[in-house]
Amino acid sequence: AAKSSYLNQHAIITAAIEKGAVAIHPGYGLLSENAS
């Protein structure tokens, strides 16, 4: 389910930090227009 994965903000941020990503591209849909 998207809410468990692609909409899971903290899981995405954690993955970025663990892998050393300095930027995130959200594409379209999902979190692309999510201000929080």
Full PDB file with SEQRES, HELIX, SHEET, SSBOND, CRYST1, ORIGX, SCALE, CONECT and MASTER records, all heavy atoms in Angstrom:
SEQRES   1 A   36  ALA ALA LYS SER SER TYR LEU ASN GLN HIS ALA ILE ILE          
SEQRES   2 A   36  THR ALA ALA ILE GLU LYS GLY ALA VAL ALA ILE HIS PRO          
SEQRES   3 A   36  GLY TYR GLY LEU LEU SER GLU ASN ALA SER                      
HELIX    1 AA1 ALA A    2  SER A    4  5                                   3    
HELIX    2 AA2 GLN A    9  LYS A   19  1                                  11    
CRYST1    1.000    1.000    1.000  90.00  90.00  90.00 P 1           1          
ORIGX1      1.000000  0.000000  0.000000        0.00000                         
ORIGX2      0.000000  1.000000  0.000000        0.00000                         
ORIGX3      0.000000  0.000000  1.000000        0.00000                         
SCALE1      1.000000  0.000000  0.000000        0.00000                         
SCALE2      0.000000  1.000000  0.000000        0.00000                         
SCALE3      0.000000  0.000000  1.000000        0.00000                         
ATOM      1  N   ALA A   1       0.836  -1.204   0.000  1.00  0.00           N  
ATOM      2  CA  ALA A   1       0.000   0.000   0.000  1.00  0.00           C  
ATOM      3  C   ALA A   1       0.869   1.251   0.000  1.00  0.00           C  
ATOM      4  O   ALA A   1       1.886   1.317   0.698  1.00  0.00           O  
ATOM      5  CB  ALA A   1      -0.920  -0.001   1.215  1.00  0.00           C  
ATOM      6  N   ALA A   2       0.457   2.245  -0.777  1.00  0.00           N  
ATOM      7  CA  ALA A   2       1.245   3.478  -0.884  1.00  0.00           C  
ATOM      8  C   ALA A   2       1.445   4.142   0.471  1.00  0.00           C  
ATOM      9  O   ALA A   2       2.518   4.692   0.760  1.00  0.00           O  
ATOM     10  CB  ALA A   2       0.569   4.442  -1.856  1.00  0.00           C  
ATOM     11  N   LYS A   3       0.427   4.095   1.325  1.00  0.00           N  
ATOM     12  CA  LYS A   3       0.538   4.749   2.626  1.00  0.00           C  
ATOM     13  C   LYS A   3       1.614   4.091   3.493  1.00  0.00           C  
ATOM     14  O   LYS A   3       2.155   4.726   4.402  1.00  0.00           O  
ATOM     15  CB  LYS A   3      -0.803   4.736   3.354  1.00  0.00           C  
ATOM     16  CG  LYS A   3      -1.309   3.365   3.750  1.00  0.00           C  
ATOM     17  CD  LYS A   3      -2.648   3.466   4.464  1.00  0.00           C  
ATOM     18  CE  LYS A   3      -3.156   2.075   4.884  1.00  0.00           C  
ATOM     19  NZ  LYS A   3      -4.473   2.162   5.566  1.00  0.00           N  
ATOM     20  N   SER A   4       1.911   2.823   3.203  1.00  0.00           N  
ATOM     21  CA  SER A   4       2.934   2.111   3.976  1.00  0.00           C  
ATOM     22  C   SER A   4       4.327   2.275   3.386  1.00  0.00           C  
ATOM     23  O   SER A   4       5.316   1.887   4.024  1.00  0.00           O  
ATOM     24  CB  SER A   4       2.597   0.616   4.041  1.00  0.00           C  
ATOM     25  OG  SER A   4       1.326   0.395   4.602  1.00  0.00           O  
ATOM     26  N   SER A   5       4.410   2.820   2.181  1.00  0.00           N  
ATOM     27  CA  SER A   5       5.709   2.901   1.507  1.00  0.00           C  
ATOM     28  C   SER A   5       5.934   4.274   0.877  1.00  0.00           C  
ATOM     29  O   SER A   5       6.613   5.128   1.465  1.00  0.00           O  
ATOM     30  CB  SER A   5       5.809   1.795   0.455  1.00  0.00           C  
ATOM     31  OG  SER A   5       4.672   1.799  -0.409  1.00  0.00           O  
ATOM     32  N   TYR A   6       5.362   4.498  -0.289  1.00  0.00           N  
ATOM     33  CA  TYR A   6       5.667   5.720  -1.034  1.00  0.00           C  
ATOM     34  C   TYR A   6       5.110   6.991  -0.395  1.00  0.00           C  
ATOM     35  O   TYR A   6       5.527   8.095  -0.752  1.00  0.00           O  
ATOM     36  CB  TYR A   6       5.178   5.588  -2.471  1.00  0.00           C  
ATOM     37  CG  TYR A   6       5.855   4.454  -3.212  1.00  0.00           C  
ATOM     38  CD1 TYR A   6       5.153   3.293  -3.534  1.00  0.00           C  
ATOM     39  CD2 TYR A   6       7.200   4.532  -3.562  1.00  0.00           C  
ATOM     40  CE1 TYR A   6       5.774   2.242  -4.200  1.00  0.00           C  
ATOM     41  CE2 TYR A   6       7.832   3.486  -4.218  1.00  0.00           C  
ATOM     42  CZ  TYR A   6       7.114   2.340  -4.528  1.00  0.00           C  
ATOM     43  OH  TYR A   6       7.739   1.306  -5.168  1.00  0.00           O  
ATOM     44  N   LEU A   7       4.178   6.841   0.541  1.00  0.00           N  
ATOM     45  CA  LEU A   7       3.678   7.992   1.292  1.00  0.00           C  
ATOM     46  C   LEU A   7       4.226   8.016   2.721  1.00  0.00           C  
ATOM     47  O   LEU A   7       3.824   8.859   3.523  1.00  0.00           O  
ATOM     48  CB  LEU A   7       2.138   7.975   1.320  1.00  0.00           C  
ATOM     49  CG  LEU A   7       1.446   8.173  -0.026  1.00  0.00           C  
ATOM     50  CD1 LEU A   7      -0.065   8.042   0.120  1.00  0.00           C  
ATOM     51  CD2 LEU A   7       1.793   9.541  -0.627  1.00  0.00           C  
ATOM     52  N   ASN A   8       5.114   7.102   3.036  1.00  0.00           N  
ATOM     53  CA  ASN A   8       5.709   7.021   4.369  1.00  0.00           C  
ATOM     54  C   ASN A   8       6.888   7.987   4.436  1.00  0.00           C  
ATOM     55  O   ASN A   8       8.026   7.645   4.109  1.00  0.00           O  
ATOM     56  CB  ASN A   8       6.159   5.586   4.648  1.00  0.00           C  
ATOM     57  CG  ASN A   8       6.605   5.389   6.084  1.00  0.00           C  
ATOM     58  OD1 ASN A   8       7.047   6.324   6.747  1.00  0.00           O  
ATOM     59  ND2 ASN A   8       6.495   4.162   6.567  1.00  0.00           N  
ATOM     60  N   GLN A   9       6.603   9.207   4.871  1.00  0.00           N  
ATOM     61  CA  GLN A   9       7.602  10.268   4.841  1.00  0.00           C  
ATOM     62  C   GLN A   9       8.852   9.928   5.650  1.00  0.00           C  
ATOM     63  O   GLN A   9       9.982  10.141   5.195  1.00  0.00           O  
ATOM     64  CB  GLN A   9       6.995  11.572   5.361  1.00  0.00           C  
ATOM     65  CG  GLN A   9       5.822  12.069   4.540  1.00  0.00           C  
ATOM     66  CD  GLN A   9       5.302  13.408   5.038  1.00  0.00           C  
ATOM     67  OE1 GLN A   9       6.024  14.190   5.634  1.00  0.00           O  
ATOM     68  NE2 GLN A   9       4.017  13.674   4.795  1.00  0.00           N  
ATOM     69  N   HIS A  10       8.662   9.407   6.830  1.00  0.00           N  
ATOM     70  CA  HIS A  10       9.803   9.144   7.699  1.00  0.00           C  
ATOM     71  C   HIS A  10      10.679   8.007   7.154  1.00  0.00           C  
ATOM     72  O   HIS A  10      11.907   8.042   7.292  1.00  0.00           O  
ATOM     73  CB  HIS A  10       9.328   8.841   9.116  1.00  0.00           C  
ATOM     74  CG  HIS A  10       8.717  10.036   9.790  1.00  0.00           C  
ATOM     75  ND1 HIS A  10       9.475  11.061  10.307  1.00  0.00           N  
ATOM     76  CD2 HIS A  10       7.417  10.383   9.992  1.00  0.00           C  
ATOM     77  CE1 HIS A  10       8.683  11.984  10.816  1.00  0.00           C  
ATOM     78  NE2 HIS A  10       7.431  11.599  10.643  1.00  0.00           N  
ATOM     79  N   ALA A  11      10.051   7.013   6.534  1.00  0.00           N  
ATOM     80  CA  ALA A  11      10.832   5.929   5.942  1.00  0.00           C  
ATOM     81  C   ALA A  11      11.682   6.446   4.789  1.00  0.00           C  
ATOM     82  O   ALA A  11      12.845   6.043   4.618  1.00  0.00           O  
ATOM     83  CB  ALA A  11       9.901   4.814   5.460  1.00  0.00           C  
ATOM     84  N   ILE A  12      11.115   7.362   3.999  1.00  0.00           N  
ATOM     85  CA  ILE A  12      11.853   7.931   2.864  1.00  0.00           C  
ATOM     86  C   ILE A  12      13.016   8.790   3.356  1.00  0.00           C  
ATOM     87  O   ILE A  12      14.146   8.691   2.850  1.00  0.00           O  
ATOM     88  CB  ILE A  12      10.896   8.743   1.961  1.00  0.00           C  
ATOM     89  CG1 ILE A  12       9.899   7.797   1.266  1.00  0.00           C  
ATOM     90  CG2 ILE A  12      11.681   9.554   0.931  1.00  0.00           C  
ATOM     91  CD1 ILE A  12       8.782   8.509   0.550  1.00  0.00           C  
ATOM     92  N   ILE A  13      12.764   9.630   4.345  1.00  0.00           N  
ATOM     93  CA  ILE A  13      13.827  10.477   4.893  1.00  0.00           C  
ATOM     94  C   ILE A  13      14.929   9.626   5.513  1.00  0.00           C  
ATOM     95  O   ILE A  13      16.131   9.886   5.331  1.00  0.00           O  
ATOM     96  CB  ILE A  13      13.247  11.457   5.936  1.00  0.00           C  
ATOM     97  CG1 ILE A  13      12.343  12.496   5.258  1.00  0.00           C  
ATOM     98  CG2 ILE A  13      14.376  12.147   6.702  1.00  0.00           C  
ATOM     99  CD1 ILE A  13      13.057  13.475   4.352  1.00  0.00           C  
ATOM    100  N   THR A  14      14.527   8.582   6.236  1.00  0.00           N  
ATOM    101  CA  THR A  14      15.518   7.682   6.843  1.00  0.00           C  
ATOM    102  C   THR A  14      16.402   7.040   5.779  1.00  0.00           C  
ATOM    103  O   THR A  14      17.634   6.954   5.937  1.00  0.00           O  
ATOM    104  CB  THR A  14      14.814   6.590   7.665  1.00  0.00           C  
ATOM    105  OG1 THR A  14      14.059   7.205   8.715  1.00  0.00           O  
ATOM    106  CG2 THR A  14      15.816   5.625   8.272  1.00  0.00           C  
ATOM    107  N   ALA A  15      15.779   6.604   4.671  1.00  0.00           N  
ATOM    108  CA  ALA A  15      16.549   6.002   3.578  1.00  0.00           C  
ATOM    109  C   ALA A  15      17.529   7.004   2.987  1.00  0.00           C  
ATOM    110  O   ALA A  15      18.683   6.659   2.682  1.00  0.00           O  
ATOM    111  CB  ALA A  15      15.593   5.488   2.501  1.00  0.00           C  
ATOM    112  N   ALA A  16      17.078   8.254   2.832  1.00  0.00           N  
ATOM    113  CA  ALA A  16      17.952   9.286   2.271  1.00  0.00           C  
ATOM    114  C   ALA A  16      19.155   9.534   3.174  1.00  0.00           C  
ATOM    115  O   ALA A  16      20.300   9.639   2.703  1.00  0.00           O  
ATOM    116  CB  ALA A  16      17.163  10.577   2.068  1.00  0.00           C  
ATOM    117  N   ILE A  17      18.901   9.628   4.474  1.00  0.00           N  
ATOM    118  CA  ILE A  17      19.997   9.885   5.420  1.00  0.00           C  
ATOM    119  C   ILE A  17      20.968   8.713   5.459  1.00  0.00           C  
ATOM    120  O   ILE A  17      22.197   8.892   5.419  1.00  0.00           O  
ATOM    121  CB  ILE A  17      19.425  10.178   6.819  1.00  0.00           C  
ATOM    122  CG1 ILE A  17      18.643  11.507   6.797  1.00  0.00           C  
ATOM    123  CG2 ILE A  17      20.539  10.228   7.862  1.00  0.00           C  
ATOM    124  CD1 ILE A  17      17.875  11.784   8.067  1.00  0.00           C  
ATOM    125  N   GLU A  18      20.422   7.496   5.519  1.00  0.00           N  
ATOM    126  CA  GLU A  18      21.285   6.315   5.598  1.00  0.00           C  
ATOM    127  C   GLU A  18      22.154   6.146   4.357  1.00  0.00           C  
ATOM    128  O   GLU A  18      23.304   5.698   4.449  1.00  0.00           O  
ATOM    129  CB  GLU A  18      20.422   5.067   5.803  1.00  0.00           C  
ATOM    130  CG  GLU A  18      19.817   4.958   7.195  1.00  0.00           C  
ATOM    131  CD  GLU A  18      19.018   3.682   7.378  1.00  0.00           C  
ATOM    132  OE1 GLU A  18      18.788   2.974   6.371  1.00  0.00           O  
ATOM    133  OE2 GLU A  18      18.625   3.396   8.523  1.00  0.00           O  
ATOM    134  N   LYS A  19      21.616   6.522   3.188  1.00  0.00           N  
ATOM    135  CA  LYS A  19      22.361   6.356   1.941  1.00  0.00           C  
ATOM    136  C   LYS A  19      23.163   7.594   1.551  1.00  0.00           C  
ATOM    137  O   LYS A  19      23.863   7.593   0.535  1.00  0.00           O  
ATOM    138  CB  LYS A  19      21.393   6.000   0.807  1.00  0.00           C  
ATOM    139  CG  LYS A  19      20.744   4.627   0.971  1.00  0.00           C  
ATOM    140  CD  LYS A  19      21.768   3.509   0.942  1.00  0.00           C  
ATOM    141  CE  LYS A  19      21.115   2.141   1.029  1.00  0.00           C  
ATOM    142  NZ  LYS A  19      22.108   1.044   1.006  1.00  0.00           N  
ATOM    143  N   GLY A  20      23.044   8.658   2.347  1.00  0.00           N  
ATOM    144  CA  GLY A  20      23.831   9.855   2.062  1.00  0.00           C  
ATOM    145  C   GLY A  20      23.302  10.692   0.916  1.00  0.00           C  
ATOM    146  O   GLY A  20      24.065  11.459   0.304  1.00  0.00           O  
ATOM    147  N   ALA A  21      22.013  10.583   0.610  1.00  0.00           N  
ATOM    148  CA  ALA A  21      21.419  11.421  -0.430  1.00  0.00           C  
ATOM    149  C   ALA A  21      21.234  12.843   0.104  1.00  0.00           C  
ATOM    150  O   ALA A  21      20.721  13.029   1.214  1.00  0.00           O  
ATOM    151  CB  ALA A  21      20.069  10.855  -0.874  1.00  0.00           C  
ATOM    152  N   VAL A  22      21.647  13.822  -0.667  1.00  0.00           N  
ATOM    153  CA  VAL A  22      21.568  15.216  -0.214  1.00  0.00           C  
ATOM    154  C   VAL A  22      20.347  15.938  -0.768  1.00  0.00           C  
ATOM    155  O   VAL A  22      20.066  17.078  -0.395  1.00  0.00           O  
ATOM    156  CB  VAL A  22      22.846  15.986  -0.594  1.00  0.00           C  
ATOM    157  CG1 VAL A  22      24.047  15.419   0.151  1.00  0.00           C  
ATOM    158  CG2 VAL A  22      23.074  15.958  -2.106  1.00  0.00           C  
ATOM    159  N   ALA A  23      19.618  15.276  -1.683  1.00  0.00           N  
ATOM    160  CA  ALA A  23      18.415  15.873  -2.269  1.00  0.00           C  
ATOM    161  C   ALA A  23      17.413  14.764  -2.562  1.00  0.00           C  
ATOM    162  O   ALA A  23      17.790  13.599  -2.738  1.00  0.00           O  
ATOM    163  CB  ALA A  23      18.755  16.641  -3.547  1.00  0.00           C  
ATOM    164  N   ILE A  24      16.144  15.153  -2.619  1.00  0.00           N  
ATOM    165  CA  ILE A  24      15.067  14.220  -2.943  1.00  0.00           C  
ATOM    166  C   ILE A  24      14.237  14.782  -4.075  1.00  0.00           C  
ATOM    167  O   ILE A  24      13.793  15.931  -4.018  1.00  0.00           O  
ATOM    168  CB  ILE A  24      14.168  13.950  -1.722  1.00  0.00           C  
ATOM    169  CG1 ILE A  24      14.925  13.157  -0.657  1.00  0.00           C  
ATOM    170  CG2 ILE A  24      12.900  13.206  -2.127  1.00  0.00           C  
ATOM    171  CD1 ILE A  24      14.120  12.887   0.607  1.00  0.00           C  
ATOM    172  N   HIS A  25      14.047  13.979  -5.124  1.00  0.00           N  
ATOM    173  CA  HIS A  25      13.148  14.356  -6.214  1.00  0.00           C  
ATOM    174  C   HIS A  25      11.847  13.571  -6.026  1.00  0.00           C  
ATOM    175  O   HIS A  25      11.856  12.340  -6.044  1.00  0.00           O  
ATOM    176  CB  HIS A  25      13.766  14.034  -7.572  1.00  0.00           C  
ATOM    177  CG  HIS A  25      13.091  14.750  -8.707  1.00  0.00           C  
ATOM    178  ND1 HIS A  25      11.716  14.723  -8.905  1.00  0.00           N  
ATOM    179  CD2 HIS A  25      13.588  15.532  -9.708  1.00  0.00           C  
ATOM    180  CE1 HIS A  25      11.399  15.444  -9.958  1.00  0.00           C  
ATOM    181  NE2 HIS A  25      12.531  15.956 -10.466  1.00  0.00           N  
ATOM    182  N   PRO A  26      10.707  14.268  -5.872  1.00  0.00           N  
ATOM    183  CA  PRO A  26       9.448  13.575  -5.599  1.00  0.00           C  
ATOM    184  C   PRO A  26       8.675  13.140  -6.829  1.00  0.00           C  
ATOM    185  O   PRO A  26       7.638  12.479  -6.697  1.00  0.00           O  
ATOM    186  CB  PRO A  26       8.656  14.624  -4.817  1.00  0.00           C  
ATOM    187  CG  PRO A  26       9.081  15.918  -5.462  1.00  0.00           C  
ATOM    188  CD  PRO A  26      10.541  15.729  -5.810  1.00  0.00           C  
ATOM    189  N   GLY A  27       9.144  13.515  -8.045  1.00  0.00           N  
ATOM    190  CA  GLY A  27       8.400  13.154  -9.252  1.00  0.00           C  
ATOM    191  C   GLY A  27       7.069  13.870  -9.317  1.00  0.00           C  
ATOM    192  O   GLY A  27       6.978  15.066  -9.025  1.00  0.00           O  
ATOM    193  N   TYR A  28       6.007  13.126  -9.683  1.00  0.00           N  
ATOM    194  CA  TYR A  28       4.649  13.702  -9.650  1.00  0.00           C  
ATOM    195  C   TYR A  28       3.764  12.771  -8.815  1.00  0.00           C  
ATOM    196  O   TYR A  28       4.086  11.605  -8.580  1.00  0.00           O  
ATOM    197  CB  TYR A  28       4.083  13.891 -11.058  1.00  0.00           C  
ATOM    198  CG  TYR A  28       4.078  12.668 -11.941  1.00  0.00           C  
ATOM    199  CD1 TYR A  28       3.233  11.598 -11.695  1.00  0.00           C  
ATOM    200  CD2 TYR A  28       4.930  12.592 -13.044  1.00  0.00           C  
ATOM    201  CE1 TYR A  28       3.225  10.476 -12.510  1.00  0.00           C  
ATOM    202  CE2 TYR A  28       4.936  11.472 -13.871  1.00  0.00           C  
ATOM    203  CZ  TYR A  28       4.079  10.420 -13.595  1.00  0.00           C  
ATOM    204  OH  TYR A  28       4.076   9.305 -14.394  1.00  0.00           O  
ATOM    205  N   GLY A  29       2.631  13.278  -8.371  1.00  0.00           N  
ATOM    206  CA  GLY A  29       1.763  12.488  -7.506  1.00  0.00           C  
ATOM    207  C   GLY A  29       2.429  12.231  -6.158  1.00  0.00           C  
ATOM    208  O   GLY A  29       3.412  12.884  -5.778  1.00  0.00           O  
ATOM    209  N   LEU A  30       1.900  11.272  -5.404  1.00  0.00           N  
ATOM    210  CA  LEU A  30       2.456  10.862  -4.115  1.00  0.00           C  
ATOM    211  C   LEU A  30       2.795  12.082  -3.248  1.00  0.00           C  
ATOM    212  O   LEU A  30       1.903  12.841  -2.887  1.00  0.00           O  
ATOM    213  CB  LEU A  30       3.644   9.937  -4.341  1.00  0.00           C  
ATOM    214  CG  LEU A  30       3.292   8.611  -5.058  1.00  0.00           C  
ATOM    215  CD1 LEU A  30       4.552   7.820  -5.393  1.00  0.00           C  
ATOM    216  CD2 LEU A  30       2.333   7.774  -4.231  1.00  0.00           C  
ATOM    217  N   LEU A  31       4.076  12.311  -2.935  1.00  0.00           N  
ATOM    218  CA  LEU A  31       4.451  13.393  -2.017  1.00  0.00           C  
ATOM    219  C   LEU A  31       4.909  14.666  -2.731  1.00  0.00           C  
ATOM    220  O   LEU A  31       5.419  15.585  -2.101  1.00  0.00           O  
ATOM    221  CB  LEU A  31       5.565  12.907  -1.090  1.00  0.00           C  
ATOM    222  CG  LEU A  31       5.177  11.785  -0.115  1.00  0.00           C  
ATOM    223  CD1 LEU A  31       6.416  11.274   0.617  1.00  0.00           C  
ATOM    224  CD2 LEU A  31       4.130  12.277   0.889  1.00  0.00           C  
ATOM    225  N   SER A  32       4.705  14.737  -4.049  1.00  0.00           N  
ATOM    226  CA  SER A  32       5.268  15.850  -4.822  1.00  0.00           C  
ATOM    227  C   SER A  32       4.683  17.204  -4.458  1.00  0.00           C  
ATOM    228  O   SER A  32       5.342  18.227  -4.628  1.00  0.00           O  
ATOM    229  CB  SER A  32       5.088  15.594  -6.320  1.00  0.00           C  
ATOM    230  OG  SER A  32       3.709  15.532  -6.659  1.00  0.00           O  
ATOM    231  N   GLU A  33       3.451  17.240  -3.980  1.00  0.00           N  
ATOM    232  CA  GLU A  33       2.823  18.510  -3.594  1.00  0.00           C  
ATOM    233  C   GLU A  33       2.444  18.490  -2.113  1.00  0.00           C  
ATOM    234  O   GLU A  33       1.477  19.119  -1.706  1.00  0.00           O  
ATOM    235  CB  GLU A  33       1.599  18.778  -4.468  1.00  0.00           C  
ATOM    236  CG  GLU A  33       1.962  19.045  -5.921  1.00  0.00           C  
ATOM    237  CD  GLU A  33       0.753  19.328  -6.794  1.00  0.00           C  
ATOM    238  OE1 GLU A  33       0.000  18.389  -7.100  1.00  0.00           O  
ATOM    239  OE2 GLU A  33       0.565  20.505  -7.180  1.00  0.00           O  
ATOM    240  N   ASN A  34       3.240  17.789  -1.334  1.00  0.00           N  
ATOM    241  CA  ASN A  34       2.998  17.671   0.097  1.00  0.00           C  
ATOM    242  C   ASN A  34       3.925  18.629   0.836  1.00  0.00           C  
ATOM    243  O   ASN A  34       5.135  18.383   0.952  1.00  0.00           O  
ATOM    244  CB  ASN A  34       3.229  16.227   0.544  1.00  0.00           C  
ATOM    245  CG  ASN A  34       2.789  15.979   1.969  1.00  0.00           C  
ATOM    246  OD1 ASN A  34       3.226  16.665   2.892  1.00  0.00           O  
ATOM    247  ND2 ASN A  34       1.933  14.985   2.156  1.00  0.00           N  
ATOM    248  N   ALA A  35       3.364  19.726   1.331  1.00  0.00           N  
ATOM    249  CA  ALA A  35       4.181  20.754   1.978  1.00  0.00           C  
ATOM    250  C   ALA A  35       4.852  20.228   3.247  1.00  0.00           C  
ATOM    251  O   ALA A  35       5.988  20.616   3.553  1.00  0.00           O  
ATOM    252  CB  ALA A  35       3.319  21.976   2.299  1.00  0.00           C  
ATOM    253  N   SER A  36       4.181  19.348   3.981  1.00  0.00           N  
ATOM    254  CA  SER A  36       4.778  18.832   5.213  1.00  0.00           C  
ATOM    255  C   SER A  36       6.014  17.995   4.903  1.00  0.00           C  
ATOM    256  O   SER A  36       6.993  18.010   5.661  1.00  0.00           O  
ATOM    257  CB  SER A  36       3.760  18.011   6.003  1.00  0.00           C  
ATOM    258  OG  SER A  36       3.412  16.819   5.315  1.00  0.00           O  
TER     259      SER A  36                                                      
MASTER        0    0    0    2    0    0    0    6  258    1    0    3          
END                                                                             
